[in-house]
C-alpha atoms as a PDB file:
ATOM      1  CA  UNK A   1       0.000   0.000   0.000  1.00  0.00           C
ATOM      2  CA  UNK A   2       1.374   3.397  -0.944  1.00  0.00           C
ATOM      3  CA  UNK A   3       1.529   6.017   1.784  1.00  0.00           C
ATOM      4  CA  UNK A   4       2.388   9.027  -0.325  1.00  0.00           C
ATOM      5  CA  UNK A   5       4.095  11.924   1.418  1.00  0.00           C
ATOM      6  CA  UNK A   6       5.680  15.274   0.743  1.00  0.00           C
ATOM      7  CA  UNK A   7       8.531  16.394   2.986  1.00  0.00           C
ATOM      8  CA  UNK A   8       9.550  20.039   3.139  1.00  0.00           C
ATOM      9  CA  UNK A   9      12.713  20.958   5.025  1.00  0.00           C
ATOM     10  CA  UNK A  10      13.354  24.574   5.913  1.00  0.00           C
ATOM     11  CA  UNK A  11      16.260  26.194   7.726  1.00  0.00           C
ATOM     12  CA  UNK A  12      15.270  29.585   9.126  1.00  0.00           C
ATOM     13  CA  UNK A  13      18.845  30.728   9.760  1.00  0.00           C
ATOM     14  CA  UNK A  14      19.979  30.277   6.160  1.00  0.00           C
ATOM     15  CA  UNK A  15      16.588  30.455   4.422  1.00  0.00           C
ATOM     16  CA  UNK A  16      17.478  27.208   2.619  1.00  0.00           C
ATOM     17  CA  UNK A  17      14.809  24.646   1.819  1.00  0.00           C
ATOM     18  CA  UNK A  18      14.338  21.315   0.092  1.00  0.00           C
ATOM     19  CA  UNK A  19      11.097  19.571  -0.897  1.00  0.00           C
ATOM     20  CA  UNK A  20      10.633  15.876  -1.701  1.00  0.00           C
ATOM     21  CA  UNK A  21       7.897  13.478  -2.731  1.00  0.00           C
ATOM     22  CA  UNK A  22       8.029   9.871  -1.571  1.00  0.00           C
ATOM     23  CA  UNK A  23       5.498   7.427  -3.007  1.00  0.00           C
ATOM     24  CA  UNK A  24       5.652   4.972  -0.104  1.00  0.00           C
ATOM     25  CA  UNK A  25       6.684   4.772   3.545  1.00  0.00           C
ATOM     26  CA  UNK A  26       5.192   8.141   4.549  1.00  0.00           C
ATOM     27  CA  UNK A  27       2.906   6.838   7.285  1.00  0.00           C
ATOM     28  CA  UNK A  28       3.055   8.636  10.638  1.00  0.00           C
ATOM     29  CA  UNK A  29       2.797   5.408  12.673  1.00  0.00           C
ATOM     30  CA  UNK A  30       6.354   4.677  11.585  1.00  0.00           C
ATOM     31  CA  UNK A  31       7.341   8.021  13.139  1.00  0.00           C
ATOM     32  CA  UNK A  32       7.066   9.846   9.855  1.00  0.00           C
ATOM     33  CA  UNK A  33       8.668   7.238   7.604  1.00  0.00           C
ATOM     34  CA  UNK A  34      11.693   8.853   5.985  1.00  0.00           C
ATOM     35  CA  UNK A  35      12.143  11.315   8.857  1.00  0.00           C
ATOM     36  CA  UNK A  36      12.900   8.470  11.229  1.00  0.00           C
ATOM     37  CA  UNK A  37      15.586   7.180   8.888  1.00  0.00           C
ATOM     38  CA  UNK A  38      17.391  10.537   8.909  1.00  0.00           C
ATOM     39  CA  UNK A  39      16.632  11.360  12.563  1.00  0.00           C
ATOM     40  CA  UNK A  40      20.301  11.438  13.574  1.00  0.00           C
ATOM     41  CA  UNK A  41      20.957  14.192  11.030  1.00  0.00           C
ATOM     42  CA  UNK A  42      17.850  16.096  12.112  1.00  0.00           C
ATOM     43  CA  UNK A  43      18.927  15.774  15.752  1.00  0.00           C
ATOM     44  CA  UNK A  44      22.022  17.765  14.900  1.00  0.00           C
ATOM     45  CA  UNK A  45      19.799  20.509  13.424  1.00  0.00           C
ATOM     46  CA  UNK A  46      22.995  21.821  11.924  1.00  0.00           C
ATOM     47  CA  UNK A  47      22.566  25.033   9.998  1.00  0.00           C
ATOM     48  CA  UNK A  48      24.355  23.476   7.001  1.00  0.00           C
ATOM     49  CA  UNK A  49      22.320  20.271   7.091  1.00  0.00           C
ATOM     50  CA  UNK A  50      19.918  20.972   4.180  1.00  0.00           C
ATOM     51  CA  UNK A  51      22.519  19.716   1.696  1.00  0.00           C
ATOM     52  CA  UNK A  52      23.052  16.541   3.731  1.00  0.00           C
ATOM     53  CA  UNK A  53      19.293  16.048   4.136  1.00  0.00           C
ATOM     54  CA  UNK A  54      18.904  16.463   0.359  1.00  0.00           C
ATOM     55  CA  UNK A  55      21.471  13.753  -0.303  1.00  0.00           C
ATOM     56  CA  UNK A  56      19.951  11.371   2.267  1.00  0.00           C
ATOM     57  CA  UNK A  57      16.444  11.798   0.879  1.00  0.00           C
ATOM     58  CA  UNK A  58      17.765  10.893  -2.567  1.00  0.00           C
ATOM     59  CA  UNK A  59      19.289   7.727  -1.094  1.00  0.00           C
ATOM     60  CA  UNK A  60      15.827   6.941   0.335  1.00  0.00           C
ATOM     61  CA  UNK A  61      14.470   7.183  -3.238  1.00  0.00           C
ATOM     62  CA  UNK A  62      12.546  10.403  -2.644  1.00  0.00           C
ATOM     63  CA  UNK A  63      11.918  12.569  -5.677  1.00  0.00           C
ATOM     64  CA  UNK A  64      13.060  16.199  -5.366  1.00  0.00           C
ATOM     65  CA  UNK A  65      10.395  18.796  -6.121  1.00  0.00           C
ATOM     66  CA  UNK A  66      11.110  22.261  -7.482  1.00  0.00           C
ATOM     67  CA  UNK A  67       8.824  24.394  -5.327  1.00  0.00           C
ATOM     68  CA  UNK A  68       5.707  24.590  -3.146  1.00  0.00           C
ATOM     69  CA  UNK A  69       3.403  24.627  -6.165  1.00  0.00           C
ATOM     70  CA  UNK A  70       4.818  21.345  -7.423  1.00  0.00           C
ATOM     71  CA  UNK A  71       4.483  19.936  -3.879  1.00  0.00           C
ATOM     72  CA  UNK A  72       0.818  20.987  -3.713  1.00  0.00           C
ATOM     73  CA  UNK A  73       0.154  19.183  -7.001  1.00  0.00           C
ATOM     74  CA  UNK A  74       1.827  15.973  -5.845  1.00  0.00           C
ATOM     75  CA  UNK A  75      -0.409  13.012  -5.053  1.00  0.00           C
ATOM     76  CA  UNK A  76      -0.037  12.937  -1.289  1.00  0.00           C
ATOM     77  CA  UNK A  77      -1.777  11.792   1.837  1.00  0.00           C
ATOM     78  CA  UNK A  78       0.792  13.148   4.285  1.00  0.00           C
ATOM     79  CA  UNK A  79       2.665  16.431   4.323  1.00  0.00           C
ATOM     80  CA  UNK A  80       5.591  16.973   6.701  1.00  0.00           C
ATOM     81  CA  UNK A  81       6.819  20.510   7.239  1.00  0.00           C
ATOM     82  CA  UNK A  82      10.217  20.222   8.960  1.00  0.00           C
ATOM     83  CA  UNK A  83      11.837  23.309  10.472  1.00  0.00           C
ATOM     84  CA  UNK A  84      15.452  23.454  11.594  1.00  0.00           C
ATOM     85  CA  UNK A  85      15.648  26.427  13.909  1.00  0.00           C
ATOM     86  CA  UNK A  86      18.115  27.386  16.657  1.00  0.00           C
ATOM     87  CA  UNK A  87      19.520  23.856  16.858  1.00  0.00           C
ATOM     88  CA  UNK A  88      16.085  22.232  17.120  1.00  0.00           C
ATOM     89  CA  UNK A  89      14.057  20.187  14.638  1.00  0.00           C
ATOM     90  CA  UNK A  90      10.261  20.495  14.666  1.00  0.00           C
ATOM     91  CA  UNK A  91       7.650  18.862  12.444  1.00  0.00           C
ATOM     92  CA  UNK A  92       4.107  19.771  11.564  1.00  0.00           C
ATOM     93  CA  UNK A  93       2.344  16.739  10.102  1.00  0.00           C
ATOM     94  CA  UNK A  94      -0.749  17.267   7.973  1.00  0.00           C
ATOM     95  CA  UNK A  95      -2.878  14.240   7.157  1.00  0.00           C
ATOM     96  CA  UNK A  96      -4.683  15.434   4.053  1.00  0.00           C
ATOM     97  CA  UNK A  97      -6.994  12.414   3.922  1.00  0.00           C
ATOM     98  CA  UNK A  98      -8.579  12.879   7.347  1.00  0.00           C
ATOM     99  CA  UNK A  99      -7.809  16.590   7.753  1.00  0.00           C
ATOM    100  CA  UNK A 100      -5.708  16.673  10.918  1.00  0.00           C
ATOM    101  CA  UNK A 101      -2.563  18.546  11.901  1.00  0.00           C
ATOM    102  CA  UNK A 102      -0.091  17.547  14.638  1.00  0.00           C
ATOM    103  CA  UNK A 103       3.057  19.255  15.908  1.00  0.00           C
ATOM    104  CA  UNK A 104       6.183  17.439  17.113  1.00  0.00           C
ATOM    105  CA  UNK A 105       9.625  18.320  18.396  1.00  0.00           C
ATOM    106  CA  UNK A 106      12.697  16.108  18.172  1.00  0.00           C
ATOM    107  CA  UNK A 107      14.160  15.383  21.599  1.00  0.00           C
ATOM    108  CA  UNK A 108      17.074  13.129  22.572  1.00  0.00           C
ATOM    109  CA  UNK A 109      14.437  10.437  23.286  1.00  0.00           C
ATOM    110  CA  UNK A 110      12.774  10.777  19.871  1.00  0.00           C
ATOM    111  CA  UNK A 111       9.738  12.621  18.513  1.00  0.00           C
ATOM    112  CA  UNK A 112       7.429  14.119  21.138  1.00  0.00           C
ATOM    113  CA  UNK A 113       4.103  15.793  20.533  1.00  0.00           C
ATOM    114  CA  UNK A 114       4.684  19.511  20.904  1.00  0.00           C
ATOM    115  CA  UNK A 115       1.103  20.646  21.547  1.00  0.00           C
ATOM    116  CA  UNK A 116      -2.370  19.369  21.049  1.00  0.00           C
ATOM    117  CA  UNK A 117      -3.595  18.358  17.632  1.00  0.00           C
ATOM    118  CA  UNK A 118      -5.489  20.795  15.465  1.00  0.00           C
ATOM    119  CA  UNK A 119      -8.638  19.372  13.941  1.00  0.00           C
END
């Protein structure tokens, strides 16, 4: 079963971003699919990490997208908006099929819900 997802990475300090589409493995029950596989890089929240994240997503067979418009047109169920800010990684997960939004922060123990879900 395909769990289609778009991942957008944004670094506020450098204003760099990268957007990817992944046709499978985007389910949130697997702690955000591809995000879990690159968690160690996200934990660093290094201000130069967008290039490394780009390369890792390509290894995970994600397709790079050119911009937000192309991301909006992608066939997706899940959208992950990942912010790298002040040495911290946060994620807003949108489930487009059921219409929910959840916010998470990456801690040394893994992903923790940041505040209550928006419905």
